[in-house]
């Protein structure tokens, strides 16, 4: 079930073209109900919103990939920058993020990097 939710979320990711930085909006629906989250990351700062969650919470994992020069992506490891959980309706601002930060989000459990990005 978790894999299906992650696949649905990743397939519905929308990148905004009219704002600086990266905006990610995801929505999903399963037998438990509907879930929606939103994130915007720009210039080392991020805003994360758990707009709606069938489970009552959104789990966020911020990480960077660490790769040896000329290594295939499969040989990369992940260094977690921060992880947190928000209740439905909550938001959080995070500063001091590195330029190459990546985001994974799930409504059922804390994601595990870098597998959450596939």
N, C-alpha and C. Protein backbone atom coordinates (compact mmCIF):
# COMPACT_ATOMS: atom_id res chain seq x y z
N UNK A 1 0.82 -1.19 0.00
CA UNK A 1 0.00 0.00 0.00
C UNK A 1 0.87 1.26 0.00
N UNK A 2 1.93 1.25 0.81
CA UNK A 2 2.81 2.41 0.89
C UNK A 2 3.45 2.68 -0.46
N UNK A 3 3.89 1.60 -1.14
CA UNK A 3 4.51 1.78 -2.45
C UNK A 3 3.53 2.38 -3.44
N UNK A 4 2.28 1.96 -3.39
CA UNK A 4 1.26 2.51 -4.27
C UNK A 4 1.05 3.99 -3.98
N UNK A 5 0.99 4.36 -2.72
CA UNK A 5 0.81 5.76 -2.35
C UNK A 5 1.98 6.60 -2.83
N UNK A 6 3.19 6.11 -2.63
CA UNK A 6 4.37 6.85 -3.07
C UNK A 6 4.36 6.98 -4.59
N UNK A 7 4.00 5.92 -5.29
CA UNK A 7 3.94 5.99 -6.76
C UNK A 7 2.91 7.01 -7.22
N UNK A 8 1.76 7.02 -6.57
CA UNK A 8 0.72 7.99 -6.93
C UNK A 8 1.21 9.40 -6.64
N UNK A 9 1.82 9.60 -5.49
CA UNK A 9 2.32 10.94 -5.15
C UNK A 9 3.36 11.41 -6.15
N UNK A 10 4.30 10.54 -6.49
CA UNK A 10 5.35 10.92 -7.42
C UNK A 10 4.79 11.20 -8.81
N UNK A 11 3.78 10.45 -9.20
CA UNK A 11 3.21 10.66 -10.53
C UNK A 11 2.40 11.95 -10.60
N UNK A 12 1.99 12.49 -9.47
CA UNK A 12 1.18 13.71 -9.46
C UNK A 12 1.96 14.97 -9.07
N UNK A 13 3.28 14.84 -8.99
CA UNK A 13 4.09 15.99 -8.61
C UNK A 13 4.00 17.05 -9.71
N UNK A 14 3.72 18.27 -9.30
CA UNK A 14 3.64 19.38 -10.23
C UNK A 14 4.72 20.39 -9.88
N UNK A 15 5.53 20.75 -10.87
CA UNK A 15 6.55 21.77 -10.64
C UNK A 15 6.02 23.11 -11.15
N UNK A 16 6.03 24.09 -10.29
CA UNK A 16 5.51 25.41 -10.67
C UNK A 16 6.53 26.15 -11.52
N UNK A 17 6.08 26.80 -12.58
CA UNK A 17 6.96 27.52 -13.49
C UNK A 17 7.00 29.02 -13.19
N UNK A 18 6.05 29.52 -12.46
CA UNK A 18 5.94 30.96 -12.28
C UNK A 18 6.56 31.47 -10.98
N UNK A 19 7.25 30.64 -10.23
CA UNK A 19 7.89 31.07 -8.99
C UNK A 19 9.32 30.62 -9.02
N UNK A 20 10.18 31.39 -8.35
CA UNK A 20 11.56 30.96 -8.19
C UNK A 20 11.58 29.74 -7.28
N UNK A 21 12.61 28.94 -7.38
CA UNK A 21 12.72 27.76 -6.54
C UNK A 21 11.88 26.62 -7.09
N UNK A 22 11.56 25.68 -6.23
CA UNK A 22 10.80 24.50 -6.62
C UNK A 22 9.57 24.38 -5.74
N UNK A 23 8.43 24.21 -6.38
CA UNK A 23 7.18 23.98 -5.67
C UNK A 23 6.70 22.59 -6.02
N UNK A 24 6.35 21.81 -5.00
CA UNK A 24 5.87 20.45 -5.20
C UNK A 24 4.52 20.33 -4.51
N UNK A 25 3.55 19.92 -5.28
CA UNK A 25 2.22 19.69 -4.74
C UNK A 25 1.85 18.25 -5.05
N UNK A 26 1.37 17.54 -4.06
CA UNK A 26 0.98 16.15 -4.29
C UNK A 26 -0.39 15.89 -3.70
N UNK A 27 -1.13 15.07 -4.41
CA UNK A 27 -2.44 14.64 -3.93
C UNK A 27 -2.57 13.15 -4.18
N UNK A 28 -3.29 12.48 -3.33
CA UNK A 28 -3.54 11.06 -3.52
C UNK A 28 -4.88 10.70 -2.91
N UNK A 29 -5.40 9.60 -3.36
CA UNK A 29 -6.66 9.10 -2.84
C UNK A 29 -6.56 7.59 -2.78
N UNK A 30 -6.95 7.04 -1.65
CA UNK A 30 -6.98 5.58 -1.51
C UNK A 30 -8.19 5.22 -0.66
N UNK A 31 -8.28 3.97 -0.27
CA UNK A 31 -9.46 3.54 0.48
C UNK A 31 -9.61 4.27 1.82
N UNK A 32 -8.52 4.89 2.30
CA UNK A 32 -8.58 5.61 3.56
C UNK A 32 -9.06 7.04 3.44
N UNK A 33 -9.09 7.56 2.22
CA UNK A 33 -9.51 8.93 2.01
C UNK A 33 -8.54 9.70 1.13
N UNK A 34 -8.63 11.01 1.16
CA UNK A 34 -7.78 11.87 0.33
C UNK A 34 -6.69 12.51 1.16
N UNK A 35 -5.55 12.75 0.50
CA UNK A 35 -4.41 13.40 1.14
C UNK A 35 -3.86 14.45 0.18
N UNK A 36 -3.35 15.54 0.73
CA UNK A 36 -2.75 16.60 -0.08
C UNK A 36 -1.66 17.29 0.72
N UNK A 37 -0.52 17.52 0.07
CA UNK A 37 0.56 18.26 0.71
C UNK A 37 1.17 19.21 -0.30
N UNK A 38 1.90 20.21 0.21
CA UNK A 38 2.49 21.25 -0.62
C UNK A 38 3.82 21.62 -0.01
N UNK A 39 4.80 21.90 -0.85
CA UNK A 39 6.12 22.35 -0.37
C UNK A 39 6.71 23.32 -1.37
N UNK A 40 7.41 24.32 -0.87
CA UNK A 40 8.14 25.26 -1.73
C UNK A 40 9.53 25.44 -1.12
N UNK A 41 10.55 25.20 -1.94
CA UNK A 41 11.94 25.35 -1.50
C UNK A 41 12.62 26.34 -2.42
N UNK A 42 13.26 27.36 -1.83
CA UNK A 42 13.93 28.38 -2.61
C UNK A 42 15.04 29.01 -1.78
N UNK A 43 16.22 29.06 -2.36
CA UNK A 43 17.34 29.79 -1.77
C UNK A 43 17.60 29.41 -0.31
N UNK A 44 17.62 28.11 -0.03
CA UNK A 44 17.95 27.63 1.30
C UNK A 44 16.83 27.65 2.32
N UNK A 45 15.62 27.99 1.89
CA UNK A 45 14.48 28.02 2.81
C UNK A 45 13.33 27.22 2.22
N UNK A 46 12.56 26.60 3.09
CA UNK A 46 11.43 25.82 2.62
C UNK A 46 10.20 26.04 3.48
N UNK A 47 9.06 25.91 2.86
CA UNK A 47 7.78 25.93 3.56
C UNK A 47 7.06 24.64 3.21
N UNK A 48 6.57 23.95 4.22
CA UNK A 48 5.94 22.64 4.06
C UNK A 48 4.56 22.69 4.69
N UNK A 49 3.55 22.24 3.95
CA UNK A 49 2.17 22.27 4.42
C UNK A 49 1.52 20.91 4.26
N UNK A 50 0.99 20.39 5.35
CA UNK A 50 0.19 19.17 5.31
C UNK A 50 -1.25 19.63 5.23
N UNK A 51 -1.74 19.76 4.02
CA UNK A 51 -3.08 20.34 3.83
C UNK A 51 -4.20 19.40 4.23
N UNK A 52 -4.05 18.12 3.92
CA UNK A 52 -5.07 17.13 4.23
C UNK A 52 -4.38 15.78 4.26
N UNK A 53 -4.76 14.90 5.17
CA UNK A 53 -4.16 13.58 5.22
C UNK A 53 -5.16 12.56 5.72
N UNK A 54 -5.33 11.50 4.96
CA UNK A 54 -6.23 10.42 5.35
C UNK A 54 -5.78 9.76 6.65
N UNK A 55 -4.48 9.81 6.92
CA UNK A 55 -3.95 9.21 8.15
C UNK A 55 -3.84 10.23 9.28
N UNK A 56 -4.06 11.50 8.98
CA UNK A 56 -3.97 12.54 10.00
C UNK A 56 -2.63 13.23 10.06
N UNK A 57 -1.63 12.75 9.30
CA UNK A 57 -0.31 13.38 9.34
C UNK A 57 0.44 13.21 8.02
N UNK A 58 1.42 14.07 7.83
CA UNK A 58 2.33 14.02 6.68
C UNK A 58 3.75 13.90 7.23
N UNK A 59 4.53 13.00 6.68
CA UNK A 59 5.91 12.78 7.10
C UNK A 59 6.84 13.31 6.00
N UNK A 60 7.81 14.12 6.40
CA UNK A 60 8.73 14.75 5.45
C UNK A 60 10.16 14.34 5.77
N UNK A 61 10.93 14.10 4.70
CA UNK A 61 12.35 13.77 4.82
C UNK A 61 13.11 14.63 3.84
N UNK A 62 14.05 15.43 4.33
CA UNK A 62 14.89 16.28 3.51
C UNK A 62 16.29 15.69 3.52
N UNK A 63 16.88 15.51 2.34
CA UNK A 63 18.19 14.88 2.27
C UNK A 63 18.96 15.39 1.06
N UNK A 64 20.26 15.08 1.03
CA UNK A 64 21.10 15.32 -0.13
C UNK A 64 21.73 13.99 -0.52
N UNK A 65 21.95 13.83 -1.82
CA UNK A 65 22.61 12.63 -2.29
C UNK A 65 24.10 12.86 -2.29
N UNK A 66 24.84 11.88 -1.83
CA UNK A 66 26.29 11.94 -1.79
C UNK A 66 26.82 10.89 -2.76
N UNK A 67 27.48 11.35 -3.81
CA UNK A 67 27.97 10.44 -4.84
C UNK A 67 29.46 10.66 -5.03
N UNK A 68 30.15 9.58 -5.28
CA UNK A 68 31.56 9.69 -5.66
C UNK A 68 31.61 10.24 -7.08
N UNK A 69 32.67 10.98 -7.43
CA UNK A 69 32.77 11.49 -8.80
C UNK A 69 32.66 10.35 -9.81
N UNK A 70 31.88 10.57 -10.85
CA UNK A 70 31.67 9.60 -11.94
C UNK A 70 31.01 8.31 -11.48
N UNK A 71 30.40 8.29 -10.30
CA UNK A 71 29.72 7.09 -9.82
C UNK A 71 28.30 7.05 -10.41
N UNK A 72 27.79 5.86 -10.69
CA UNK A 72 26.39 5.78 -11.14
C UNK A 72 25.47 6.17 -10.00
N UNK A 73 24.29 6.67 -10.35
CA UNK A 73 23.33 7.12 -9.34
C UNK A 73 23.02 6.01 -8.34
N UNK A 74 23.01 4.76 -8.79
CA UNK A 74 22.72 3.64 -7.89
C UNK A 74 23.77 3.51 -6.79
N UNK A 75 24.95 4.08 -7.01
CA UNK A 75 26.02 4.00 -6.02
C UNK A 75 26.02 5.14 -5.02
N UNK A 76 25.02 6.00 -5.09
CA UNK A 76 24.95 7.16 -4.20
C UNK A 76 24.32 6.78 -2.86
N UNK A 77 24.72 7.50 -1.84
CA UNK A 77 24.07 7.34 -0.53
C UNK A 77 23.35 8.64 -0.21
N UNK A 78 22.54 8.61 0.80
CA UNK A 78 21.77 9.79 1.20
C UNK A 78 22.20 10.25 2.58
N UNK A 79 22.32 11.56 2.72
CA UNK A 79 22.58 12.16 4.03
C UNK A 79 21.33 12.95 4.41
N UNK A 80 20.68 12.50 5.47
CA UNK A 80 19.44 13.15 5.92
C UNK A 80 19.78 14.50 6.54
N UNK A 81 19.11 15.52 6.06
CA UNK A 81 19.27 16.87 6.59
C UNK A 81 18.29 17.10 7.74
N UNK A 82 17.05 16.66 7.52
CA UNK A 82 16.02 16.86 8.54
C UNK A 82 14.82 15.97 8.22
N UNK A 83 14.17 15.49 9.26
CA UNK A 83 12.91 14.77 9.09
C UNK A 83 11.93 15.28 10.14
N UNK A 84 10.65 15.34 9.75
CA UNK A 84 9.64 15.83 10.68
C UNK A 84 8.26 15.37 10.23
N UNK A 85 7.32 15.44 11.14
CA UNK A 85 5.94 15.05 10.88
C UNK A 85 5.03 16.23 11.22
N UNK A 86 4.09 16.50 10.34
CA UNK A 86 3.10 17.55 10.57
C UNK A 86 1.72 16.92 10.63
N UNK A 87 0.90 17.41 11.52
CA UNK A 87 -0.50 16.99 11.55
C UNK A 87 -1.24 17.67 10.41
N UNK A 88 -2.31 17.06 9.94
CA UNK A 88 -3.11 17.66 8.88
C UNK A 88 -3.51 19.08 9.30
N UNK A 89 -3.32 20.03 8.39
CA UNK A 89 -3.63 21.43 8.67
C UNK A 89 -2.44 22.23 9.18
N UNK A 90 -1.33 21.58 9.53
CA UNK A 90 -0.16 22.29 10.03
C UNK A 90 0.81 22.62 8.90
N UNK A 91 1.68 23.61 9.16
CA UNK A 91 2.75 23.95 8.23
C UNK A 91 4.02 24.23 9.03
N UNK A 92 5.15 24.23 8.33
CA UNK A 92 6.43 24.49 8.98
C UNK A 92 7.36 25.18 7.99
N UNK A 93 8.10 26.18 8.49
CA UNK A 93 9.15 26.84 7.72
C UNK A 93 10.48 26.28 8.19
N UNK A 94 11.37 26.00 7.24
CA UNK A 94 12.70 25.46 7.55
C UNK A 94 13.71 26.30 6.80
N UNK A 95 14.75 26.75 7.50
CA UNK A 95 15.80 27.54 6.86
C UNK A 95 17.13 26.79 6.93
N UNK A 96 18.12 27.31 6.24
CA UNK A 96 19.45 26.73 6.26
C UNK A 96 19.58 25.45 5.43
N UNK A 97 18.74 25.29 4.41
CA UNK A 97 18.78 24.09 3.59
C UNK A 97 19.87 24.22 2.52
N UNK A 98 20.59 23.13 2.23
CA UNK A 98 21.61 23.18 1.17
C UNK A 98 20.95 23.31 -0.21
N UNK A 99 21.71 23.80 -1.17
CA UNK A 99 21.18 24.05 -2.51
C UNK A 99 20.64 22.79 -3.18
N UNK A 100 21.23 21.65 -2.94
CA UNK A 100 20.83 20.42 -3.62
C UNK A 100 19.90 19.55 -2.78
N UNK A 101 19.15 20.15 -1.89
CA UNK A 101 18.26 19.38 -1.02
C UNK A 101 17.18 18.69 -1.85
N UNK A 102 16.84 17.48 -1.43
CA UNK A 102 15.77 16.70 -2.06
C UNK A 102 14.71 16.42 -1.00
N UNK A 103 13.50 16.18 -1.46
CA UNK A 103 12.37 16.01 -0.56
C UNK A 103 11.64 14.71 -0.85
N UNK A 104 11.28 14.00 0.21
CA UNK A 104 10.36 12.87 0.11
C UNK A 104 9.27 13.10 1.15
N UNK A 105 8.04 12.72 0.78
CA UNK A 105 6.91 12.92 1.67
C UNK A 105 5.99 11.72 1.56
N UNK A 106 5.41 11.33 2.69
CA UNK A 106 4.50 10.18 2.72
C UNK A 106 3.45 10.43 3.80
N UNK A 107 2.26 9.90 3.61
CA UNK A 107 1.19 10.08 4.59
C UNK A 107 1.07 8.90 5.55
N UNK A 108 1.79 7.82 5.29
CA UNK A 108 1.66 6.61 6.11
C UNK A 108 2.81 6.40 7.08
N UNK A 109 4.03 6.68 6.65
CA UNK A 109 5.21 6.45 7.49
C UNK A 109 6.34 7.36 7.03
N UNK A 110 7.36 7.52 7.87
CA UNK A 110 8.51 8.33 7.50
C UNK A 110 9.22 7.67 6.33
N UNK A 111 9.44 8.40 5.21
CA UNK A 111 10.14 7.83 4.07
C UNK A 111 11.59 7.51 4.42
N UNK A 112 12.19 6.65 3.61
CA UNK A 112 13.59 6.28 3.77
C UNK A 112 14.31 6.69 2.49
N UNK A 113 15.32 7.54 2.61
CA UNK A 113 16.08 8.02 1.46
C UNK A 113 17.23 7.08 1.16
N UNK A 114 17.64 6.96 -0.07
CA UNK A 114 17.11 7.62 -1.26
C UNK A 114 16.01 6.82 -1.95
N UNK A 115 15.61 5.69 -1.40
CA UNK A 115 14.60 4.85 -2.04
C UNK A 115 13.27 5.56 -2.27
N UNK A 116 12.97 6.57 -1.45
CA UNK A 116 11.69 7.26 -1.57
C UNK A 116 11.59 8.09 -2.84
N UNK A 117 12.70 8.37 -3.48
CA UNK A 117 12.68 9.22 -4.68
C UNK A 117 12.53 8.43 -5.96
N UNK A 118 12.42 7.12 -5.89
CA UNK A 118 12.32 6.31 -7.12
C UNK A 118 10.88 6.11 -7.51
